[in-house]
Amino acid sequence: MSGGASALRAFMRKEFQHVLRDRQTLAVLLLMPLIQVVLFGFALRTDVRNVRVAFVDPAPDHATLALRARFEGSRTFRTAGVLRSTRELEPLFRRGVADVGVVLAPGLGSALLAGRDVDVLVVSDASDPNTGVQRQAYAARVIQDWQQDLQPARAAAGIQLVPEVRMRYNPTLESVNLFVPGLIALVLTLVSALMTAISLSREKERGTLEILLVSPLRPWQIVAGKVLPYLVLALANVATALVAAWLVFGVPIRGSLTLLVLASMLYAMVSLAIGVLVAAITPSQRAAMLGALLATMLPSTFLSGMVFPIASLPDPMQGVSHLIPARWFIAVARGIMLKGIGLAELWQELAVLAAMLAVFIGLAMRTFKPRLA
């Protein structure tokens, strides 16, 4: 019995020493709970903040100016523009500059003084259906509160502003229209970044990458040969996901399918470069898996706008979200699938992804080359 206990203690001591020697993995394991709590604490919010509202005010008067001032005085809204016609509102929605549009009829002040009910149109971008409904409700509440404060006697008599609502891009408020583009990003991240990091780190542990050094292949050719199958697999996953989104869930693809596929391949290559970089700087397969999880999967889920709107995040976390490739790809996917916009509106997001690809490839190859040497 004592011999078995001694063997058990020796075995446990050996395992503890093995874990402590892998310092990078130990550091990741210790930091993971802190990182998860911070991400969940900041991202898991249903607050509606920083709503960008555009006003269509063709004939400003004292009433429209007062109503616009009420929106501007709210901590929830900030003005994205004052327009002269409703034709100018659609481009703001398509470019993602405005979240809500408030259309004010000419002669609003005169109509209220004359005792007539006035319709005020509130248009909300419902590509994110839950947030779109909340934004519309907040805007309607501001209008109602303003009228009660400005004209309590007339409000009591039944004279009122009547907010009419319209939902753009997702009028039926289907939640799958929100989640499916984000799920495409997660699938590509899983296949491209996580699997690449695990595969390359496994080859490093086995020593097979060093064996290839005796061949005429250069380090970048070795890495390209290792990751190319995952790029082909990513293309197949994109095709499968789009077919499932269209046939099973009825998610529309209103824009260019070719542009969507090309953008997906660009994002997949960015994820592949991140996977190669993670594999290059981690000493073991376990460390690479944890590093890829922290560097890609968690930020892509909580800081990309896939589930929770970026505008609800604190300002420092909104700044961090600009470094998350999934944020830019999800904006592209939703824009093409739900809004039907094209390269003219999405070139900035695609340019950011291209810049990220160049940076991550440069870092990955510069880091991997001395490791192989």
Protein backbone atom coordinates (compact mmCIF):
# COMPACT_ATOMS: atom_id res chain seq x y z
CA MET A 1 0.00 0.00 0.00
CA SER A 2 2.79 2.41 0.93
CA GLY A 3 4.62 1.50 -2.30
CA GLY A 4 1.55 2.43 -4.33
CA ALA A 5 1.23 5.75 -2.50
CA SER A 6 4.89 6.54 -3.11
CA ALA A 7 4.52 5.76 -6.79
CA LEU A 8 1.45 7.97 -6.99
CA ARG A 9 3.26 10.87 -5.30
CA ALA A 10 6.22 10.47 -7.64
CA PHE A 11 3.95 10.40 -10.65
CA MET A 12 2.06 13.50 -9.54
CA ARG A 13 5.33 15.31 -8.79
CA LYS A 14 6.56 14.49 -12.27
CA GLU A 15 3.36 15.79 -13.87
CA PHE A 16 3.50 19.01 -11.88
CA GLN A 17 7.09 19.55 -12.98
CA HIS A 18 6.11 18.90 -16.59
CA VAL A 19 3.34 21.51 -16.39
CA LEU A 20 5.59 24.06 -14.67
CA ARG A 21 8.32 23.61 -17.30
CA ASP A 22 5.89 24.57 -20.09
CA ARG A 23 5.82 28.19 -18.97
CA GLN A 24 3.91 29.57 -21.93
CA THR A 25 1.08 27.09 -21.51
CA LEU A 26 1.03 27.75 -17.77
CA ALA A 27 0.85 31.50 -18.35
CA VAL A 28 -2.03 31.08 -20.79
CA LEU A 29 -3.91 28.81 -18.37
CA LEU A 30 -3.48 31.31 -15.56
CA LEU A 31 -4.47 34.30 -17.68
CA MET A 32 -7.41 32.64 -19.45
CA PRO A 33 -9.93 33.05 -16.57
CA LEU A 34 -9.00 36.73 -16.21
CA ILE A 35 -9.30 37.33 -19.95
CA GLN A 36 -12.62 35.50 -20.14
CA VAL A 37 -14.08 37.47 -17.24
CA VAL A 38 -12.98 40.76 -18.80
CA LEU A 39 -14.34 39.84 -22.23
CA PHE A 40 -17.64 38.55 -20.86
CA GLY A 41 -17.99 41.49 -18.49
CA PHE A 42 -17.53 44.08 -21.20
CA ALA A 43 -19.20 42.28 -24.10
CA LEU A 44 -22.25 40.64 -22.49
CA ARG A 45 -24.32 43.78 -22.40
CA THR A 46 -27.71 44.65 -23.79
CA ASP A 47 -27.29 48.39 -23.26
CA VAL A 48 -28.12 50.62 -26.20
CA ARG A 49 -25.42 53.27 -26.48
CA ASN A 50 -23.97 55.59 -29.10
CA VAL A 51 -26.92 55.23 -31.47
CA ARG A 52 -26.17 57.24 -34.62
CA VAL A 53 -29.32 59.08 -35.69
CA ALA A 54 -29.77 60.95 -38.97
CA PHE A 55 -32.52 63.58 -39.22
CA VAL A 56 -34.43 64.31 -42.40
CA ASP A 57 -35.53 67.89 -41.77
CA PRO A 58 -36.42 69.61 -45.07
CA ALA A 59 -37.93 72.72 -43.42
CA PRO A 60 -36.45 73.34 -39.96
CA ASP A 61 -38.63 75.28 -37.51
CA HIS A 62 -38.75 75.77 -33.75
CA ALA A 63 -40.35 72.34 -33.20
CA THR A 64 -37.92 70.32 -35.31
CA LEU A 65 -34.93 72.13 -33.81
CA ALA A 66 -36.22 71.45 -30.30
CA LEU A 67 -36.80 67.79 -31.07
CA ARG A 68 -33.34 67.40 -32.57
CA ALA A 69 -31.88 69.08 -29.48
CA ARG A 70 -33.69 66.56 -27.29
CA PHE A 71 -32.02 63.69 -29.18
CA GLU A 72 -28.64 65.39 -29.02
CA GLY A 73 -29.05 65.94 -25.27
CA SER A 74 -29.63 62.25 -24.70
CA ARG A 75 -26.67 60.08 -23.74
CA THR A 76 -28.02 57.34 -25.99
CA PHE A 77 -28.03 59.17 -29.33
CA ARG A 78 -25.53 61.16 -31.34
CA THR A 79 -26.27 62.98 -34.57
CA ALA A 80 -24.95 61.34 -37.74
CA GLY A 81 -26.26 64.02 -40.07
CA VAL A 82 -29.08 66.41 -40.93
CA LEU A 83 -30.53 65.73 -44.38
CA ARG A 84 -32.90 67.54 -46.70
CA SER A 85 -34.66 64.54 -48.26
CA THR A 86 -35.28 60.89 -47.56
CA ARG A 87 -33.23 59.96 -50.63
CA GLU A 88 -30.12 60.96 -48.71
CA LEU A 89 -30.93 58.57 -45.85
CA GLU A 90 -30.46 55.26 -47.69
CA PRO A 91 -26.75 55.79 -48.49
CA LEU A 92 -26.05 56.44 -44.80
CA PHE A 93 -27.65 53.12 -43.88
CA ARG A 94 -25.83 51.26 -46.62
CA ARG A 95 -22.44 52.64 -45.55
CA GLY A 96 -23.16 51.93 -41.88
CA VAL A 97 -22.96 55.62 -40.95
CA ALA A 98 -26.45 55.80 -39.38
CA ASP A 99 -28.39 53.37 -37.19
CA VAL A 100 -31.70 55.26 -37.00
CA GLY A 101 -33.34 57.81 -39.25
CA VAL A 102 -35.95 60.29 -37.97
CA VAL A 103 -38.00 61.87 -40.77
CA LEU A 104 -39.61 65.17 -39.71
CA ALA A 105 -42.44 66.52 -41.81
CA PRO A 106 -42.35 70.12 -43.06
CA GLY A 107 -44.46 72.42 -40.92
CA LEU A 108 -44.19 70.28 -37.81
CA GLY A 109 -44.43 73.24 -35.42
CA SER A 110 -47.41 74.79 -37.23
CA ALA A 111 -49.27 71.47 -37.24
CA LEU A 112 -48.83 71.03 -33.51
CA LEU A 113 -49.96 74.60 -32.81
CA ALA A 114 -53.03 74.00 -34.98
CA GLY A 115 -53.96 70.94 -32.98
CA ARG A 116 -53.31 68.34 -35.66
CA ASP A 117 -51.69 64.97 -35.09
CA VAL A 118 -48.38 64.65 -36.88
CA ASP A 119 -46.66 61.47 -38.05
CA VAL A 120 -42.94 61.20 -37.44
CA LEU A 121 -41.25 58.36 -39.32
CA VAL A 122 -38.58 56.42 -37.43
CA VAL A 123 -36.49 54.16 -39.67
CA SER A 124 -34.17 51.64 -38.03
CA ASP A 125 -31.44 49.42 -39.43
CA ALA A 126 -32.71 45.94 -38.52
CA SER A 127 -29.78 43.93 -39.86
CA ASP A 128 -29.25 43.43 -36.11
CA PRO A 129 -32.92 42.78 -35.24
CA ASN A 130 -32.75 42.87 -31.44
CA THR A 131 -30.73 46.06 -31.32
CA GLY A 132 -32.80 47.57 -34.13
CA VAL A 133 -36.01 47.13 -32.13
CA GLN A 134 -34.38 48.65 -29.05
CA ARG A 135 -33.09 51.63 -31.01
CA GLN A 136 -36.52 52.23 -32.53
CA ALA A 137 -38.18 52.04 -29.10
CA TYR A 138 -35.66 54.48 -27.60
CA ALA A 139 -36.21 56.95 -30.45
CA ALA A 140 -40.00 56.72 -30.14
CA ARG A 141 -39.71 57.29 -26.39
CA VAL A 142 -37.60 60.43 -26.88
CA ILE A 143 -40.24 61.81 -29.25
CA GLN A 144 -43.07 61.10 -26.82
CA ASP A 145 -41.22 62.55 -23.83
CA TRP A 146 -40.35 65.68 -25.78
CA GLN A 147 -43.95 66.31 -26.73
CA GLN A 148 -45.20 65.82 -23.18
CA ASP A 149 -42.61 68.22 -21.80
CA LEU A 150 -43.15 70.82 -24.51
CA GLN A 151 -46.94 70.80 -24.70
CA PRO A 152 -48.47 69.05 -21.69
CA ALA A 153 -51.90 70.59 -22.20
CA ARG A 154 -52.09 69.63 -25.86
CA ALA A 155 -50.80 66.15 -25.11
CA ALA A 156 -53.55 65.70 -22.55
CA ALA A 157 -56.09 66.80 -25.14
CA GLY A 158 -54.99 64.03 -27.47
CA ILE A 159 -52.86 66.06 -29.87
CA GLN A 160 -49.68 64.10 -30.39
CA LEU A 161 -46.77 63.12 -32.51
CA VAL A 162 -47.31 59.61 -33.82
CA PRO A 163 -44.03 57.73 -34.37
CA GLU A 164 -44.33 55.38 -37.33
CA VAL A 165 -41.60 52.77 -37.58
CA ARG A 166 -39.92 51.04 -40.51
CA MET A 167 -37.35 48.28 -40.33
CA ARG A 168 -34.73 48.23 -43.08
CA TYR A 169 -32.96 45.14 -44.46
CA ASN A 170 -34.64 42.68 -42.07
CA PRO A 171 -38.31 43.68 -41.79
CA THR A 172 -39.38 40.32 -40.35
CA LEU A 173 -36.70 40.62 -37.61
CA GLU A 174 -35.31 37.15 -38.26
CA SER A 175 -32.45 36.50 -35.83
CA VAL A 176 -30.74 34.07 -38.22
CA ASN A 177 -30.04 37.02 -40.51
CA LEU A 178 -27.88 38.40 -37.70
CA PHE A 179 -26.09 35.23 -36.64
CA VAL A 180 -25.40 33.38 -39.89
CA PRO A 181 -22.81 35.87 -41.26
CA GLY A 182 -21.05 35.75 -37.91
CA LEU A 183 -21.11 31.95 -37.87
CA ILE A 184 -19.37 31.94 -41.26
CA ALA A 185 -16.59 33.99 -39.66
CA LEU A 186 -16.35 31.55 -36.74
CA VAL A 187 -16.18 28.52 -39.03
CA LEU A 188 -13.41 30.12 -41.09
CA THR A 189 -11.54 31.05 -37.91
CA LEU A 190 -11.81 27.52 -36.57
CA VAL A 191 -10.59 25.87 -39.76
CA SER A 192 -7.99 28.42 -40.75
CA ALA A 193 -6.41 29.74 -37.55
CA LEU A 194 -7.01 27.09 -34.91
CA MET A 195 -6.40 24.01 -37.04
CA THR A 196 -3.36 25.57 -38.73
CA ALA A 197 -1.78 26.46 -35.39
CA ILE A 198 -2.38 22.95 -34.02
CA SER A 199 -1.16 21.23 -37.19
CA LEU A 200 2.08 23.20 -37.52
CA SER A 201 2.90 22.96 -33.82
CA ARG A 202 2.39 19.19 -33.97
CA GLU A 203 4.83 18.96 -36.86
CA LYS A 204 7.33 21.03 -34.86
CA GLU A 205 7.02 18.70 -31.87
CA ARG A 206 7.57 15.65 -34.06
CA GLY A 207 10.57 17.22 -35.78
CA THR A 208 9.24 16.68 -39.29
CA LEU A 209 9.52 20.35 -40.23
CA GLU A 210 13.26 20.31 -39.57
CA ILE A 211 13.61 17.26 -41.80
CA LEU A 212 12.26 19.32 -44.69
CA LEU A 213 15.17 21.73 -44.34
CA VAL A 214 17.43 19.30 -46.21
CA SER A 215 15.16 19.71 -49.25
CA PRO A 216 15.47 22.59 -51.76
CA LEU A 217 12.29 24.13 -50.33
CA ARG A 218 12.51 27.49 -48.62
CA PRO A 219 10.78 28.09 -45.27
CA TRP A 220 7.94 30.07 -46.85
CA GLN A 221 7.36 27.26 -49.34
CA ILE A 222 7.21 24.72 -46.53
CA VAL A 223 4.67 26.79 -44.62
CA ALA A 224 2.64 27.47 -47.78
CA GLY A 225 2.49 23.76 -48.54
CA LYS A 226 1.28 23.05 -45.01
CA VAL A 227 -1.48 25.66 -44.96
CA LEU A 228 -2.75 25.42 -48.55
CA PRO A 229 -5.00 22.41 -47.80
CA TYR A 230 -6.69 24.42 -45.05
CA LEU A 231 -7.35 27.26 -47.47
CA VAL A 232 -9.05 24.82 -49.85
CA LEU A 233 -11.01 23.43 -46.91
CA ALA A 234 -12.03 26.96 -45.94
CA LEU A 235 -13.36 27.56 -49.46
CA ALA A 236 -15.43 24.37 -49.21
CA ASN A 237 -16.75 25.48 -45.81
CA VAL A 238 -17.77 28.85 -47.21
CA ALA A 239 -19.73 27.15 -50.00
CA THR A 240 -21.41 24.79 -47.53
CA ALA A 241 -22.29 27.58 -45.11
CA LEU A 242 -23.78 29.79 -47.82
CA VAL A 243 -25.87 26.94 -49.24
CA ALA A 244 -27.14 26.08 -45.75
CA ALA A 245 -27.88 29.75 -44.99
CA TRP A 246 -29.90 30.11 -48.18
CA LEU A 247 -31.71 26.77 -48.32
CA VAL A 248 -32.21 25.95 -44.64
CA PHE A 249 -32.57 29.37 -42.98
CA GLY A 250 -33.67 31.50 -45.91
CA VAL A 251 -31.00 34.13 -45.33
CA PRO A 252 -30.94 36.37 -48.41
CA ILE A 253 -27.83 37.11 -50.45
CA ARG A 254 -28.82 40.45 -51.97
CA GLY A 255 -25.35 41.49 -53.12
CA SER A 256 -22.59 39.97 -55.21
CA LEU A 257 -21.93 36.31 -54.41
CA THR A 258 -18.53 36.56 -56.09
CA LEU A 259 -17.51 39.46 -53.85
CA LEU A 260 -18.69 37.56 -50.78
CA VAL A 261 -16.62 34.49 -51.70
CA LEU A 262 -13.54 36.60 -52.41
CA ALA A 263 -13.95 38.44 -49.10
CA SER A 264 -14.30 35.09 -47.33
CA MET A 265 -11.06 33.86 -48.90
CA LEU A 266 -9.30 37.06 -47.86
CA TYR A 267 -10.49 36.59 -44.28
CA ALA A 268 -9.48 32.92 -44.36
CA MET A 269 -5.95 33.90 -45.44
CA VAL A 270 -5.76 36.40 -42.57
CA SER A 271 -6.78 33.63 -40.16
CA LEU A 272 -4.21 31.27 -41.70
CA ALA A 273 -1.47 33.86 -41.16
CA ILE A 274 -2.54 34.24 -37.52
CA GLY A 275 -2.42 30.46 -37.09
CA VAL A 276 1.11 30.30 -38.54
CA LEU A 277 2.22 33.14 -36.22
CA VAL A 278 0.76 31.41 -33.16
CA ALA A 279 2.46 28.13 -34.12
CA ALA A 280 5.76 29.95 -34.58
CA ILE A 281 5.82 31.57 -31.14
CA THR A 282 4.50 28.65 -29.09
CA PRO A 283 6.66 25.69 -28.05
CA SER A 284 4.03 22.94 -27.96
CA GLN A 285 0.79 21.84 -29.53
CA ARG A 286 -1.13 22.49 -26.33
CA ALA A 287 0.21 26.03 -26.06
CA ALA A 288 -0.62 26.65 -29.72
CA MET A 289 -4.21 25.50 -29.22
CA LEU A 290 -4.70 27.75 -26.20
CA GLY A 291 -2.95 30.66 -27.89
CA ALA A 292 -5.08 30.36 -31.02
CA LEU A 293 -8.21 30.15 -28.87
CA LEU A 294 -7.35 33.36 -27.03
CA ALA A 295 -6.13 35.19 -30.13
CA THR A 296 -8.99 34.29 -32.47
CA MET A 297 -12.04 32.44 -31.19
CA LEU A 298 -12.87 34.47 -28.07
CA PRO A 299 -12.30 37.93 -29.61
CA SER A 300 -14.15 36.88 -32.77
CA THR A 301 -17.14 35.87 -30.66
CA PHE A 302 -17.40 38.79 -28.25
CA LEU A 303 -15.59 41.78 -29.78
CA SER A 304 -16.57 41.55 -33.44
CA GLY A 305 -20.21 42.60 -33.26
CA MET A 306 -21.37 39.08 -34.11
CA VAL A 307 -23.69 38.85 -31.09
CA PHE A 308 -23.39 42.11 -29.18
CA PRO A 309 -23.26 45.51 -30.89
CA ILE A 310 -19.86 47.17 -30.83
CA ALA A 311 -21.46 50.49 -29.91
CA SER A 312 -22.47 48.99 -26.54
CA LEU A 313 -18.85 48.30 -25.62
CA PRO A 314 -16.84 50.80 -23.56
CA ASP A 315 -14.67 53.11 -25.63
CA PRO A 316 -11.37 51.27 -24.87
CA MET A 317 -12.89 47.94 -25.94
CA GLN A 318 -14.27 49.54 -29.10
CA GLY A 319 -10.70 50.53 -29.91
CA VAL A 320 -9.53 46.96 -29.33
CA SER A 321 -12.27 45.66 -31.62
CA HIS A 322 -10.61 47.44 -34.56
CA LEU A 323 -7.77 44.91 -34.25
CA ILE A 324 -10.13 41.93 -34.61
CA PRO A 325 -10.28 40.72 -38.25
CA ALA A 326 -13.71 39.18 -37.70
CA ARG A 327 -15.18 42.61 -37.06
CA TRP A 328 -14.36 43.74 -40.58
CA PHE A 329 -15.39 40.50 -42.26
CA ILE A 330 -18.74 40.36 -40.47
CA ALA A 331 -19.45 43.94 -41.59
CA VAL A 332 -18.68 42.86 -45.17
CA ALA A 333 -20.78 39.68 -44.97
CA ARG A 334 -23.81 41.44 -43.48
CA GLY A 335 -23.51 44.28 -45.95
CA ILE A 336 -23.46 41.95 -48.95
CA MET A 337 -26.05 39.46 -47.69
CA LEU A 338 -28.59 41.78 -46.04
CA LYS A 339 -28.07 45.22 -47.57
CA GLY A 340 -26.93 44.26 -51.06
CA ILE A 341 -24.05 46.73 -51.04
CA GLY A 342 -20.90 46.28 -53.08
CA LEU A 343 -17.27 47.21 -53.38
CA ALA A 344 -17.99 50.95 -53.46
CA GLU A 345 -19.26 50.82 -49.87
CA LEU A 346 -17.08 48.00 -48.53
CA TRP A 347 -13.64 48.87 -49.91
CA GLN A 348 -12.45 50.26 -46.57
CA GLU A 349 -13.26 47.04 -44.68
CA LEU A 350 -11.61 44.96 -47.40
CA ALA A 351 -8.56 47.25 -47.38
CA VAL A 352 -8.21 46.76 -43.62
CA LEU A 353 -8.33 42.98 -44.05
CA ALA A 354 -5.73 43.16 -46.83
CA ALA A 355 -3.46 45.27 -44.60
CA MET A 356 -3.90 42.78 -41.75
CA LEU A 357 -3.00 39.95 -44.12
CA ALA A 358 0.25 41.67 -45.12
CA VAL A 359 1.18 42.40 -41.49
CA PHE A 360 0.41 38.93 -40.16
CA ILE A 361 2.15 37.16 -43.06
CA GLY A 362 5.23 39.32 -42.55
CA LEU A 363 5.30 38.63 -38.82
CA ALA A 364 4.61 34.92 -39.29
CA MET A 365 7.36 34.36 -41.86
CA ARG A 366 9.87 36.48 -39.97
CA THR A 367 9.17 34.51 -36.79
CA PHE A 368 8.94 31.08 -38.36
CA LYS A 369 12.13 31.30 -40.42
CA PRO A 370 14.59 31.52 -37.49
CA ARG A 371 12.62 28.86 -35.64
CA LEU A 372 13.15 26.48 -38.54
CA ALA A 373 16.79 27.49 -38.89
